[in-house]
Amino acid sequence: MVEEKIRLLLAKYPSIIYGFTSISYSAYASQYKSAFVFAVPYGEQLTIDNYTEERFERGIQAAKVIVEEILVQTEAILREQNVNYYIPPAAQNNEEELTAPFSFKYAAVNAGLGWIGKNDVVITEKYGPRVRLSAILIDSQFTYGPGIVKSNCPDSCNKCVAICPYHALHDVKWDIDTLRSDIIDYQLCNQKRSLYIEKYGRKHACGLCMAACPIGISSAVSPS
């Protein structure tokens, strides 16, 4: 019943990619059985030809609005059904290790939404990396999607690696056993993005490695 109601809700948002996965691997497994994880396309699907940092940030913020809509409506369903749930925070709470309490990326690949690219971002078939992830942990069983355990990026493609202005990407092709540190110098990436905070009050959105990705390019829009 809960799964059916969530699927009916998502039918109203045909652009959103979603799935369910067991979280038996997670520290939250003693409290919740599953994760409902979804990917909302950015409000503007930029390519490297029309990218600006400001437009990229606006696209992220537009996706966040839809994420909040989905979370609120899903919460209402779960409360109505008396099902325990938890919405983990999207951002890391540890600036040293830069880890979040629950990895949306790992849940997404386990739910079959996509794989991890050479830019250390989830890559979806439809939108490439131009999506915002969210998840809800739910104490209920669902129909789980087949997980993805290796990259579908072309072997020869390194567009995201080449465009990184800080050379933070290591040109490593992901599989389920690959460590984040194998793919990216995440401390360097965070350090450079954080230089923006003092002047602008936020980290630099820096989506060059996403805009450069050729996957999902047919879903990208031209400048208005």
N, C-alpha and C. Protein backbone atom coordinates (compact mmCIF):
# COMPACT_ATOMS: atom_id res chain seq x y z
N MET A 1 0.83 -1.21 0.00
CA MET A 1 0.00 0.00 0.00
C MET A 1 0.87 1.26 0.00
N VAL A 2 1.90 1.30 0.85
CA VAL A 2 2.78 2.47 0.90
C VAL A 2 3.51 2.64 -0.44
N GLU A 3 4.05 1.55 -0.96
CA GLU A 3 4.76 1.63 -2.24
C GLU A 3 3.83 2.12 -3.34
N GLU A 4 2.62 1.59 -3.37
CA GLU A 4 1.66 1.99 -4.41
C GLU A 4 1.37 3.48 -4.32
N LYS A 5 1.21 4.01 -3.12
CA LYS A 5 0.90 5.43 -2.94
C LYS A 5 2.09 6.30 -3.37
N ILE A 6 3.29 5.86 -3.05
CA ILE A 6 4.47 6.63 -3.47
C ILE A 6 4.61 6.62 -4.99
N ARG A 7 4.36 5.47 -5.58
CA ARG A 7 4.45 5.40 -7.04
C ARG A 7 3.38 6.27 -7.71
N LEU A 8 2.19 6.31 -7.13
CA LEU A 8 1.13 7.18 -7.66
C LEU A 8 1.53 8.65 -7.54
N LEU A 9 2.17 9.01 -6.44
CA LEU A 9 2.67 10.37 -6.28
C LEU A 9 3.69 10.70 -7.36
N LEU A 10 4.65 9.81 -7.58
CA LEU A 10 5.72 10.08 -8.57
C LEU A 10 5.19 10.08 -9.99
N ALA A 11 4.04 9.44 -10.22
CA ALA A 11 3.45 9.48 -11.55
C ALA A 11 3.07 10.91 -11.94
N LYS A 12 2.90 11.78 -10.95
CA LYS A 12 2.60 13.19 -11.22
C LYS A 12 3.86 13.97 -11.61
N TYR A 13 5.01 13.35 -11.44
CA TYR A 13 6.29 13.99 -11.74
C TYR A 13 7.07 13.09 -12.71
N PRO A 14 6.63 13.01 -13.97
CA PRO A 14 7.24 12.05 -14.90
C PRO A 14 8.71 12.31 -15.21
N SER A 15 9.20 13.50 -14.92
CA SER A 15 10.62 13.78 -15.20
C SER A 15 11.54 13.22 -14.13
N ILE A 16 11.00 12.83 -13.00
CA ILE A 16 11.82 12.39 -11.87
C ILE A 16 12.14 10.90 -12.00
N ILE A 17 13.40 10.57 -11.75
CA ILE A 17 13.86 9.18 -11.72
C ILE A 17 13.87 8.73 -10.27
N TYR A 18 13.33 7.55 -9.98
CA TYR A 18 13.29 7.12 -8.59
C TYR A 18 13.37 5.59 -8.49
N GLY A 19 13.59 5.13 -7.28
CA GLY A 19 13.64 3.69 -7.03
C GLY A 19 13.70 3.43 -5.54
N PHE A 20 13.76 2.16 -5.18
CA PHE A 20 13.83 1.73 -3.79
C PHE A 20 15.00 0.76 -3.63
N THR A 21 15.61 0.79 -2.47
CA THR A 21 16.71 -0.13 -2.21
C THR A 21 16.72 -0.54 -0.75
N SER A 22 17.18 -1.74 -0.50
CA SER A 22 17.47 -2.17 0.87
C SER A 22 18.61 -1.33 1.42
N ILE A 23 18.57 -1.04 2.71
CA ILE A 23 19.70 -0.34 3.33
C ILE A 23 20.36 -1.25 4.38
N SER A 24 20.36 -2.54 4.08
CA SER A 24 21.00 -3.50 4.99
C SER A 24 22.48 -3.20 5.20
N TYR A 25 23.08 -2.48 4.26
CA TYR A 25 24.50 -2.11 4.34
C TYR A 25 24.73 -0.92 5.27
N SER A 26 23.65 -0.22 5.65
CA SER A 26 23.76 1.07 6.31
C SER A 26 23.74 0.98 7.83
N ALA A 27 24.28 2.01 8.47
CA ALA A 27 24.21 2.10 9.93
C ALA A 27 22.77 2.29 10.41
N TYR A 28 21.88 2.66 9.49
CA TYR A 28 20.47 2.85 9.84
C TYR A 28 19.64 1.57 9.70
N ALA A 29 20.28 0.47 9.34
CA ALA A 29 19.55 -0.76 9.04
C ALA A 29 18.77 -1.32 10.23
N SER A 30 19.19 -1.01 11.43
CA SER A 30 18.48 -1.51 12.60
C SER A 30 17.16 -0.79 12.83
N GLN A 31 16.98 0.37 12.16
CA GLN A 31 15.77 1.17 12.36
C GLN A 31 14.86 1.20 11.14
N TYR A 32 15.46 1.08 9.96
CA TYR A 32 14.69 1.20 8.72
C TYR A 32 15.12 0.12 7.74
N LYS A 33 14.16 -0.36 6.97
CA LYS A 33 14.45 -1.45 6.03
C LYS A 33 14.92 -0.95 4.67
N SER A 34 14.40 0.20 4.25
CA SER A 34 14.54 0.61 2.86
C SER A 34 14.85 2.08 2.72
N ALA A 35 15.29 2.45 1.53
CA ALA A 35 15.39 3.86 1.14
C ALA A 35 14.59 4.08 -0.13
N PHE A 36 13.79 5.10 -0.11
CA PHE A 36 13.17 5.63 -1.32
C PHE A 36 14.08 6.75 -1.79
N VAL A 37 14.67 6.59 -2.95
CA VAL A 37 15.66 7.55 -3.43
C VAL A 37 15.22 8.07 -4.79
N PHE A 38 15.40 9.37 -5.00
CA PHE A 38 14.94 9.94 -6.27
C PHE A 38 15.89 11.03 -6.76
N ALA A 39 15.85 11.25 -8.06
CA ALA A 39 16.73 12.21 -8.73
C ALA A 39 15.88 13.21 -9.49
N VAL A 40 15.98 14.47 -9.11
CA VAL A 40 15.23 15.55 -9.75
C VAL A 40 16.15 16.28 -10.72
N PRO A 41 15.77 16.38 -11.98
CA PRO A 41 16.64 17.10 -12.93
C PRO A 41 16.77 18.57 -12.55
N TYR A 42 17.96 19.12 -12.77
CA TYR A 42 18.16 20.54 -12.51
C TYR A 42 17.18 21.36 -13.34
N GLY A 43 16.84 22.53 -12.84
CA GLY A 43 15.86 23.37 -13.51
C GLY A 43 16.27 23.77 -14.92
N GLU A 44 17.56 23.81 -15.15
CA GLU A 44 18.07 24.05 -16.50
C GLU A 44 19.17 23.03 -16.75
N GLN A 45 19.06 22.31 -17.85
CA GLN A 45 20.01 21.25 -18.16
C GLN A 45 21.14 21.83 -19.02
N LEU A 46 22.12 22.40 -18.35
CA LEU A 46 23.18 23.10 -19.06
C LEU A 46 24.21 22.16 -19.68
N THR A 47 24.76 22.59 -20.79
CA THR A 47 25.93 21.95 -21.39
C THR A 47 27.11 22.90 -21.22
N ILE A 48 28.27 22.46 -21.63
CA ILE A 48 29.45 23.32 -21.49
C ILE A 48 29.33 24.56 -22.39
N ASP A 49 28.50 24.49 -23.43
CA ASP A 49 28.35 25.62 -24.35
C ASP A 49 27.54 26.76 -23.77
N ASN A 50 26.65 26.46 -22.80
CA ASN A 50 25.83 27.55 -22.24
C ASN A 50 25.98 27.66 -20.71
N TYR A 51 27.02 27.02 -20.18
CA TYR A 51 27.23 27.02 -18.74
C TYR A 51 27.73 28.36 -18.23
N THR A 52 27.14 28.81 -17.13
CA THR A 52 27.74 29.81 -16.25
C THR A 52 27.48 29.32 -14.83
N GLU A 53 28.32 29.72 -13.91
CA GLU A 53 28.14 29.28 -12.53
C GLU A 53 26.81 29.75 -11.98
N GLU A 54 26.42 30.97 -12.31
CA GLU A 54 25.17 31.52 -11.80
C GLU A 54 23.96 30.74 -12.32
N ARG A 55 23.98 30.40 -13.61
CA ARG A 55 22.86 29.62 -14.17
C ARG A 55 22.82 28.23 -13.58
N PHE A 56 24.00 27.66 -13.37
CA PHE A 56 24.06 26.33 -12.78
C PHE A 56 23.48 26.35 -11.36
N GLU A 57 23.83 27.34 -10.58
CA GLU A 57 23.29 27.47 -9.22
C GLU A 57 21.78 27.65 -9.25
N ARG A 58 21.26 28.43 -10.17
CA ARG A 58 19.81 28.60 -10.28
C ARG A 58 19.13 27.29 -10.60
N GLY A 59 19.75 26.49 -11.46
CA GLY A 59 19.18 25.18 -11.79
C GLY A 59 19.13 24.26 -10.59
N ILE A 60 20.17 24.30 -9.76
CA ILE A 60 20.21 23.51 -8.53
C ILE A 60 19.09 23.94 -7.60
N GLN A 61 18.93 25.25 -7.43
CA GLN A 61 17.90 25.76 -6.52
C GLN A 61 16.50 25.41 -7.01
N ALA A 62 16.28 25.43 -8.32
CA ALA A 62 14.97 25.05 -8.86
C ALA A 62 14.68 23.58 -8.58
N ALA A 63 15.70 22.73 -8.69
CA ALA A 63 15.52 21.31 -8.38
C ALA A 63 15.23 21.11 -6.90
N LYS A 64 15.85 21.90 -6.03
CA LYS A 64 15.63 21.79 -4.59
C LYS A 64 14.17 22.06 -4.23
N VAL A 65 13.53 22.96 -4.95
CA VAL A 65 12.11 23.25 -4.70
C VAL A 65 11.27 22.00 -4.95
N ILE A 66 11.55 21.30 -6.05
CA ILE A 66 10.81 20.07 -6.37
C ILE A 66 11.14 18.98 -5.36
N VAL A 67 12.39 18.88 -4.96
CA VAL A 67 12.77 17.90 -3.94
C VAL A 67 11.93 18.10 -2.68
N GLU A 68 11.81 19.34 -2.23
CA GLU A 68 11.03 19.62 -1.02
C GLU A 68 9.57 19.27 -1.20
N GLU A 69 9.02 19.51 -2.38
CA GLU A 69 7.63 19.12 -2.66
C GLU A 69 7.44 17.61 -2.49
N ILE A 70 8.36 16.85 -3.07
CA ILE A 70 8.27 15.39 -3.00
C ILE A 70 8.41 14.92 -1.56
N LEU A 71 9.35 15.49 -0.83
CA LEU A 71 9.55 15.08 0.56
C LEU A 71 8.31 15.35 1.40
N VAL A 72 7.73 16.52 1.25
CA VAL A 72 6.54 16.88 2.03
C VAL A 72 5.38 15.93 1.72
N GLN A 73 5.16 15.65 0.45
CA GLN A 73 4.05 14.78 0.07
C GLN A 73 4.29 13.34 0.47
N THR A 74 5.54 12.89 0.40
CA THR A 74 5.86 11.52 0.82
C THR A 74 5.72 11.39 2.33
N GLU A 75 6.15 12.40 3.06
CA GLU A 75 5.95 12.40 4.52
C GLU A 75 4.48 12.25 4.88
N ALA A 76 3.62 12.95 4.16
CA ALA A 76 2.18 12.87 4.43
C ALA A 76 1.66 11.45 4.23
N ILE A 77 2.15 10.79 3.19
CA ILE A 77 1.75 9.40 2.93
C ILE A 77 2.20 8.50 4.06
N LEU A 78 3.44 8.66 4.49
CA LEU A 78 4.00 7.78 5.52
C LEU A 78 3.33 8.01 6.87
N ARG A 79 3.02 9.26 7.19
CA ARG A 79 2.30 9.53 8.44
C ARG A 79 0.89 8.93 8.40
N GLU A 80 0.25 9.07 7.26
CA GLU A 80 -1.10 8.51 7.09
C GLU A 80 -1.09 7.00 7.27
N GLN A 81 -0.02 6.35 6.84
CA GLN A 81 0.08 4.89 6.92
C GLN A 81 0.76 4.42 8.22
N ASN A 82 1.08 5.37 9.09
CA ASN A 82 1.74 5.05 10.37
C ASN A 82 3.05 4.26 10.18
N VAL A 83 3.83 4.69 9.20
CA VAL A 83 5.11 4.04 8.91
C VAL A 83 6.24 4.93 9.41
N ASN A 84 7.17 4.36 10.14
CA ASN A 84 8.32 5.12 10.63
C ASN A 84 9.25 5.48 9.47
N TYR A 85 9.78 6.68 9.52
CA TYR A 85 10.67 7.12 8.45
C TYR A 85 11.64 8.16 9.00
N TYR A 86 12.65 8.46 8.19
CA TYR A 86 13.64 9.48 8.56
C TYR A 86 14.18 10.09 7.27
N ILE A 87 14.27 11.41 7.25
CA ILE A 87 14.84 12.11 6.10
C ILE A 87 16.27 12.53 6.47
N PRO A 88 17.27 11.84 5.96
CA PRO A 88 18.65 12.20 6.30
C PRO A 88 19.05 13.51 5.64
N PRO A 89 19.96 14.24 6.26
CA PRO A 89 20.40 15.51 5.67
C PRO A 89 21.15 15.30 4.36
N ALA A 90 20.99 16.26 3.46
CA ALA A 90 21.64 16.15 2.15
C ALA A 90 23.12 16.44 2.22
N ALA A 91 23.51 17.36 3.11
CA ALA A 91 24.90 17.82 3.14
C ALA A 91 25.69 17.10 4.22
N GLN A 92 26.99 17.07 4.01
CA GLN A 92 27.87 16.51 5.03
C GLN A 92 27.85 17.38 6.28
N ASN A 93 28.05 16.75 7.42
CA ASN A 93 28.14 17.51 8.67
C ASN A 93 29.55 17.45 9.24
N ASN A 94 30.48 17.04 8.39
CA ASN A 94 31.86 16.88 8.83
C ASN A 94 32.77 17.47 7.75
N GLU A 95 33.28 18.65 8.00
CA GLU A 95 34.12 19.33 7.01
C GLU A 95 35.51 18.72 6.89
N GLU A 96 35.84 17.81 7.79
CA GLU A 96 37.13 17.12 7.70
C GLU A 96 37.03 15.94 6.73
N GLU A 97 36.08 15.04 7.01
CA GLU A 97 35.92 13.86 6.16
C GLU A 97 34.97 14.09 5.01
N LEU A 98 34.16 15.15 5.09
CA LEU A 98 33.20 15.51 4.03
C LEU A 98 32.28 14.34 3.71
N THR A 99 31.73 13.75 4.76
CA THR A 99 30.78 12.66 4.59
C THR A 99 29.45 13.02 5.20
N ALA A 100 28.37 12.60 4.56
CA ALA A 100 27.03 12.77 5.09
C ALA A 100 26.66 11.53 5.91
N PRO A 101 25.71 11.66 6.84
CA PRO A 101 25.30 10.50 7.65
C PRO A 101 24.78 9.34 6.80
N PHE A 102 24.13 9.66 5.67
CA PHE A 102 23.63 8.64 4.75
C PHE A 102 23.96 9.08 3.33
N SER A 103 24.58 8.19 2.56
CA SER A 103 25.02 8.54 1.21
C SER A 103 23.88 8.39 0.21
N PHE A 104 23.41 9.51 -0.33
CA PHE A 104 22.40 9.46 -1.38
C PHE A 104 22.96 8.80 -2.64
N LYS A 105 24.24 9.05 -2.92
CA LYS A 105 24.85 8.48 -4.12
C LYS A 105 24.86 6.95 -4.06
N TYR A 106 25.26 6.41 -2.92
CA TYR A 106 25.32 4.95 -2.79
C TYR A 106 23.93 4.35 -2.86
N ALA A 107 22.96 5.02 -2.26
CA ALA A 107 21.57 4.55 -2.35
C ALA A 107 21.08 4.59 -3.80
N ALA A 108 21.46 5.63 -4.52
CA ALA A 108 21.01 5.77 -5.92
C ALA A 108 21.54 4.65 -6.80
N VAL A 109 22.83 4.29 -6.64
CA VAL A 109 23.36 3.21 -7.48
C VAL A 109 22.76 1.87 -7.06
N ASN A 110 22.50 1.70 -5.77
CA ASN A 110 21.88 0.46 -5.32
C ASN A 110 20.43 0.34 -5.77
N ALA A 111 19.76 1.47 -5.95
CA ALA A 111 18.38 1.47 -6.43
C ALA A 111 18.31 1.41 -7.95
N GLY A 112 19.46 1.52 -8.62
CA GLY A 112 19.50 1.41 -10.08
C GLY A 112 19.26 2.70 -10.82
N LEU A 113 19.40 3.85 -10.13
CA LEU A 113 19.16 5.13 -10.80
C LEU A 113 20.29 5.52 -11.74
N GLY A 114 21.51 5.07 -11.44
CA GLY A 114 22.65 5.43 -12.26
C GLY A 114 23.92 4.86 -11.67
N TRP A 115 25.03 5.35 -12.13
CA TRP A 115 26.35 4.90 -11.68
C TRP A 115 27.17 6.14 -11.33
N ILE A 116 28.35 5.92 -10.77
CA ILE A 116 29.22 7.04 -10.42
C ILE A 116 30.18 7.32 -11.58
N GLY A 117 30.21 8.57 -12.00
CA GLY A 117 31.09 8.94 -13.10
C GLY A 117 32.50 9.25 -12.64
N LYS A 118 33.35 9.56 -13.60
CA LYS A 118 34.72 9.96 -13.27
C LYS A 118 34.77 11.30 -12.55
N ASN A 119 33.61 11.99 -12.47
CA ASN A 119 33.51 13.24 -11.72
C ASN A 119 32.97 13.01 -10.31
N ASP A 120 32.83 11.74 -9.91
CA ASP A 120 32.35 11.36 -8.58
C ASP A 120 30.90 11.79 -8.35
N VAL A 121 30.13 11.88 -9.40
CA VAL A 121 28.72 12.26 -9.33
C VAL A 121 27.89 11.14 -9.95
N VAL A 122 26.67 10.94 -9.44
CA VAL A 122 25.79 9.94 -10.05
C VAL A 122 25.43 10.36 -11.47
N ILE A 123 25.60 9.44 -12.40
CA ILE A 123 25.27 9.66 -13.81
C ILE A 123 24.01 8.86 -14.15
N THR A 124 22.98 9.55 -14.60
CA THR A 124 21.75 8.88 -15.04
C THR A 124 21.73 8.81 -16.56
N GLU A 125 21.06 7.80 -17.08
CA GLU A 125 20.98 7.66 -18.54
C GLU A 125 20.28 8.86 -19.18
N LYS A 126 19.23 9.37 -18.52
CA LYS A 126 18.39 10.41 -19.12
C LYS A 126 19.01 11.80 -19.02
N TYR A 127 19.56 12.13 -17.87
CA TYR A 127 20.04 13.49 -17.63
C TYR A 127 21.55 13.58 -17.42
N GLY A 128 22.24 12.46 -17.50
CA GLY A 128 23.65 12.49 -17.11
C GLY A 128 23.75 12.82 -15.63
N PRO A 129 24.69 13.70 -15.26
CA PRO A 129 24.85 14.05 -13.85
C PRO A 129 24.02 15.26 -13.42
N ARG A 130 23.14 15.78 -14.28
CA ARG A 130 22.44 17.03 -14.02
C ARG A 130 21.18 16.81 -13.20
N VAL A 131 21.34 16.22 -12.03
CA VAL A 131 20.21 15.90 -11.15
C VAL A 131 20.58 16.20 -9.70
N ARG A 132 19.54 16.42 -8.90
CA ARG A 132 19.71 16.55 -7.45
C ARG A 132 19.09 15.33 -6.79
N LEU A 133 19.86 14.68 -5.94
CA LEU A 133 19.40 13.47 -5.27
C LEU A 133 18.77 13.78 -3.92
N SER A 134 17.82 12.93 -3.53
CA SER A 134 17.30 12.96 -2.17
C SER A 134 16.84 11.55 -1.82
N ALA A 135 16.60 11.33 -0.53
CA ALA A 135 16.20 10.00 -0.08
C ALA A 135 15.43 10.09 1.23
N ILE A 136 14.56 9.12 1.43
CA ILE A 136 13.86 8.94 2.70
C ILE A 136 14.08 7.50 3.14
N LEU A 137 14.49 7.32 4.38
CA LEU A 137 14.63 5.99 4.95
C LEU A 137 13.29 5.59 5.55
N ILE A 138 12.84 4.37 5.22
CA ILE A 138 11.48 3.95 5.56
C ILE A 138 11.51 2.56 6.17
N ASP A 139 10.77 2.38 7.24
CA ASP A 139 10.71 1.08 7.89
C ASP A 139 9.62 0.23 7.25
N SER A 140 9.84 -0.09 5.99
CA SER A 140 8.89 -0.89 5.22
C SER A 140 9.64 -1.56 4.08
N GLN A 141 9.07 -2.65 3.58
CA GLN A 141 9.68 -3.39 2.48
C GLN A 141 9.11 -2.90 1.16
N PHE A 142 9.95 -2.83 0.13
CA PHE A 142 9.52 -2.37 -1.19
C PHE A 142 10.02 -3.33 -2.26
N THR A 143 9.61 -3.05 -3.49
CA THR A 143 10.17 -3.75 -4.65
C THR A 143 11.45 -3.03 -5.04
N TYR A 144 12.57 -3.69 -4.83
CA TYR A 144 13.86 -3.04 -5.04
C TYR A 144 14.30 -3.15 -6.49
N GLY A 145 14.84 -2.05 -6.99
CA GLY A 145 15.40 -2.06 -8.34
C GLY A 145 16.72 -2.78 -8.36
N PRO A 146 17.12 -3.31 -9.52
CA PRO A 146 18.44 -3.93 -9.62
C PRO A 146 19.53 -2.87 -9.47
N GLY A 147 20.46 -3.12 -8.59
CA GLY A 147 21.54 -2.17 -8.38
C GLY A 147 22.51 -2.14 -9.55
N ILE A 148 23.24 -1.05 -9.66
CA ILE A 148 24.26 -0.89 -10.69
C ILE A 148 25.62 -1.01 -10.02
N VAL A 149 26.48 -1.85 -10.55
CA VAL A 149 27.75 -2.13 -9.87
C VAL A 149 28.98 -1.69 -10.67
N LYS A 150 28.78 -1.18 -11.88
CA LYS A 150 29.93 -0.68 -12.63
C LYS A 150 29.52 0.47 -13.53
N SER A 151 30.49 1.25 -13.92
CA SER A 151 30.25 2.44 -14.72
C SER A 151 29.81 2.10 -16.14
N ASN A 152 28.92 2.91 -16.67
CA ASN A 152 28.55 2.83 -18.09
C ASN A 152 29.17 3.96 -18.90
N CYS A 153 30.09 4.70 -18.28
CA CYS A 153 30.80 5.74 -19.03
C CYS A 153 31.72 5.10 -20.08
N PRO A 154 31.82 5.69 -21.25
CA PRO A 154 32.75 5.16 -22.25
C PRO A 154 34.18 5.17 -21.72
N ASP A 155 34.92 4.13 -22.04
CA ASP A 155 36.31 4.04 -21.56
C ASP A 155 37.14 5.24 -21.97
N SER A 156 36.89 5.72 -23.17
CA SER A 156 37.73 6.78 -23.73
C SER A 156 37.34 8.19 -23.28
N CYS A 157 36.21 8.33 -22.61
CA CYS A 157 35.71 9.66 -22.26
C CYS A 157 36.36 10.17 -20.97
N ASN A 158 36.95 11.35 -21.04
CA ASN A 158 37.47 11.99 -19.83
C ASN A 158 37.19 13.49 -19.85
N LYS A 159 36.05 13.86 -20.45
CA LYS A 159 35.70 15.28 -20.58
C LYS A 159 35.60 15.96 -19.22
N CYS A 160 35.02 15.28 -18.25
CA CYS A 160 34.88 15.88 -16.92
C CYS A 160 36.24 16.06 -16.26
N VAL A 161 37.12 15.09 -16.47
CA VAL A 161 38.46 15.15 -15.89
C VAL A 161 39.24 16.32 -16.48
N ALA A 162 39.16 16.44 -17.79
CA ALA A 162 39.95 17.46 -18.49
C ALA A 162 39.52 18.87 -18.16
N ILE A 163 38.24 19.07 -17.86
CA ILE A 163 37.75 20.43 -17.67
C ILE A 163 37.89 20.93 -16.24
N CYS A 164 38.18 20.05 -15.29
CA CYS A 164 38.30 20.47 -13.89
C CYS A 164 39.43 21.50 -13.75
N PRO A 165 39.14 22.71 -13.31
CA PRO A 165 40.18 23.74 -13.25
C PRO A 165 41.24 23.49 -12.18
N TYR A 166 40.93 22.57 -11.25
CA TYR A 166 41.85 22.32 -10.14
C TYR A 166 42.54 20.96 -10.24
N HIS A 167 42.26 20.22 -11.32
CA HIS A 167 42.86 18.91 -11.54
C HIS A 167 42.60 17.97 -10.35
N ALA A 168 41.36 18.02 -9.86
CA ALA A 168 40.99 17.22 -8.68
C ALA A 168 40.54 15.81 -9.04
N LEU A 169 40.27 15.56 -10.32
CA LEU A 169 39.76 14.26 -10.75
C LEU A 169 40.89 13.39 -11.28
N HIS A 170 40.84 12.09 -10.94
CA HIS A 170 41.97 11.19 -11.20
C HIS A 170 41.81 10.31 -12.44
N ASP A 171 40.74 10.53 -13.23
CA ASP A 171 40.50 9.74 -14.44
C ASP A 171 40.36 8.25 -14.12
N VAL A 172 39.61 7.95 -13.07
CA VAL A 172 39.38 6.56 -12.63
C VAL A 172 37.94 6.17 -12.94
N LYS A 173 37.79 5.02 -13.57
CA LYS A 173 36.46 4.52 -13.89
C LYS A 173 35.93 3.71 -12.70
N TRP A 174 34.72 4.02 -12.29
CA TRP A 174 34.12 3.49 -11.06
C TRP A 174 33.59 2.07 -11.22
N ASP A 175 33.69 1.30 -10.13
CA ASP A 175 32.83 0.14 -9.92
C ASP A 175 32.43 0.15 -8.46
N ILE A 176 31.61 -0.79 -8.03
CA ILE A 176 31.00 -0.74 -6.71
C ILE A 176 32.03 -0.78 -5.58
N ASP A 177 33.24 -1.24 -5.86
CA ASP A 177 34.28 -1.31 -4.83
C ASP A 177 35.22 -0.11 -4.84
N THR A 178 35.02 0.81 -5.78
CA THR A 178 35.91 1.97 -5.89
C THR A 178 35.68 2.94 -4.74
N LEU A 179 36.75 3.44 -4.17
CA LEU A 179 36.66 4.43 -3.11
C LEU A 179 36.54 5.83 -3.70
N ARG A 180 35.87 6.71 -2.97
CA ARG A 180 35.76 8.10 -3.42
C ARG A 180 37.14 8.71 -3.65
N SER A 181 38.07 8.42 -2.76
CA SER A 181 39.41 9.00 -2.88
C SER A 181 40.16 8.50 -4.11
N ASP A 182 39.73 7.37 -4.67
CA ASP A 182 40.32 6.89 -5.92
C ASP A 182 39.93 7.78 -7.09
N ILE A 183 38.74 8.37 -7.00
CA ILE A 183 38.17 9.13 -8.11
C ILE A 183 38.51 10.61 -8.04
N ILE A 184 38.48 11.16 -6.82
CA ILE A 184 38.57 12.61 -6.68
C ILE A 184 39.38 12.99 -5.44
N ASP A 185 40.11 14.07 -5.56
CA ASP A 185 40.72 14.70 -4.38
C ASP A 185 39.63 15.61 -3.80
N TYR A 186 38.76 15.04 -2.98
CA TYR A 186 37.58 15.77 -2.51
C TYR A 186 37.94 16.90 -1.55
N GLN A 187 39.07 16.78 -0.86
CA GLN A 187 39.50 17.88 0.00
C GLN A 187 39.89 19.10 -0.83
N LEU A 188 40.60 18.86 -1.92
CA LEU A 188 41.00 19.95 -2.81
C LEU A 188 39.77 20.61 -3.43
N CYS A 189 38.84 19.78 -3.92
CA CYS A 189 37.61 20.30 -4.53
C CYS A 189 36.85 21.17 -3.53
N ASN A 190 36.68 20.68 -2.32
CA ASN A 190 35.96 21.43 -1.29
C ASN A 190 36.69 22.72 -0.92
N GLN A 191 38.00 22.63 -0.82
CA GLN A 191 38.79 23.81 -0.46
C GLN A 191 38.60 24.93 -1.48
N LYS A 192 38.67 24.59 -2.76
CA LYS A 192 38.54 25.60 -3.80
C LYS A 192 37.12 26.16 -3.86
N ARG A 193 36.13 25.31 -3.70
CA ARG A 193 34.73 25.77 -3.71
C ARG A 193 34.43 26.66 -2.50
N SER A 194 35.09 26.37 -1.37
CA SER A 194 34.83 27.12 -0.14
C SER A 194 35.40 28.53 -0.18
N LEU A 195 36.31 28.81 -1.09
CA LEU A 195 36.86 30.16 -1.21
C LEU A 195 35.77 31.17 -1.58
N TYR A 196 34.66 30.70 -2.09
CA TYR A 196 33.54 31.54 -2.52
C TYR A 196 32.72 32.04 -1.33
N ILE A 197 32.80 31.36 -0.19
CA ILE A 197 31.87 31.60 0.93
C ILE A 197 31.98 33.02 1.46
N GLU A 198 33.19 33.50 1.67
CA GLU A 198 33.36 34.81 2.29
C GLU A 198 32.70 35.92 1.48
N LYS A 199 32.79 35.84 0.17
CA LYS A 199 32.24 36.90 -0.68
C LYS A 199 30.77 36.71 -1.00
N TYR A 200 30.35 35.42 -1.22
CA TYR A 200 29.01 35.17 -1.72
C TYR A 200 28.08 34.45 -0.73
N GLY A 201 28.63 34.00 0.39
CA GLY A 201 27.81 33.35 1.40
C GLY A 201 27.45 31.92 1.10
N ARG A 202 28.08 31.33 0.11
CA ARG A 202 27.86 29.93 -0.25
C ARG A 202 29.10 29.41 -0.96
N LYS A 203 29.20 28.10 -1.04
CA LYS A 203 30.29 27.51 -1.82
C LYS A 203 30.04 27.72 -3.31
N HIS A 204 31.10 27.76 -4.06
CA HIS A 204 31.01 27.86 -5.51
C HIS A 204 30.31 26.61 -6.04
N ALA A 205 29.30 26.80 -6.88
CA ALA A 205 28.54 25.66 -7.41
C ALA A 205 29.41 24.77 -8.30
N CYS A 206 30.32 25.37 -9.05
CA CYS A 206 31.30 24.67 -9.88
C CYS A 206 30.76 23.39 -10.50
N GLY A 207 29.95 23.53 -11.53
CA GLY A 207 29.38 22.37 -12.20
C GLY A 207 30.02 22.06 -13.53
N LEU A 208 31.24 22.49 -13.75
CA LEU A 208 31.90 22.27 -15.04
C LEU A 208 31.99 20.79 -15.38
N CYS A 209 32.32 19.95 -14.39
CA CYS A 209 32.47 18.52 -14.67
C CYS A 209 31.14 17.87 -15.00
N MET A 210 30.02 18.49 -14.59
CA MET A 210 28.70 17.97 -14.93
C MET A 210 28.24 18.50 -16.29
N ALA A 211 28.48 19.78 -16.51
CA ALA A 211 28.08 20.36 -17.80
C ALA A 211 28.84 19.73 -18.95
N ALA A 212 30.08 19.30 -18.70
CA ALA A 212 30.90 18.72 -19.76
C ALA A 212 30.49 17.30 -20.12
N CYS A 213 29.73 16.64 -19.24
CA CYS A 213 29.37 15.24 -19.48
C CYS A 213 28.49 15.09 -20.71
N PRO A 214 28.85 14.21 -21.66
CA PRO A 214 28.04 14.04 -22.87
C PRO A 214 26.80 13.19 -22.66
N ILE A 215 26.71 12.48 -21.54
CA ILE A 215 25.55 11.63 -21.29
C ILE A 215 24.38 12.50 -20.85
N GLY A 216 23.22 12.22 -21.45
CA GLY A 216 22.03 13.02 -21.16
C GLY A 216 21.98 14.32 -21.91
N ILE A 217 22.87 14.50 -22.85
CA ILE A 217 22.98 15.78 -23.55
C ILE A 217 21.71 16.10 -24.34
N SER A 218 20.98 15.06 -24.76
CA SER A 218 19.73 15.31 -25.52
C SER A 218 18.66 15.92 -24.66
N SER A 219 18.79 15.80 -23.31
CA SER A 219 17.82 16.41 -22.40
C SER A 219 18.21 17.82 -22.03
N ALA A 220 19.40 18.25 -22.43
CA ALA A 220 19.87 19.60 -22.08
C ALA A 220 19.13 20.62 -22.93
N VAL A 221 18.95 21.82 -22.37
CA VAL A 221 18.23 22.87 -23.07
C VAL A 221 19.19 23.97 -23.49
N SER A 222 18.78 24.70 -24.52
CA SER A 222 19.56 25.83 -24.98
C SER A 222 19.24 27.05 -24.13
N PRO A 223 20.09 28.04 -24.15
CA PRO A 223 19.81 29.26 -23.39
C PRO A 223 18.51 29.89 -23.87
N SER A 224 17.74 30.45 -22.94
CA SER A 224 16.49 31.11 -23.33
C SER A 224 16.77 32.54 -23.75
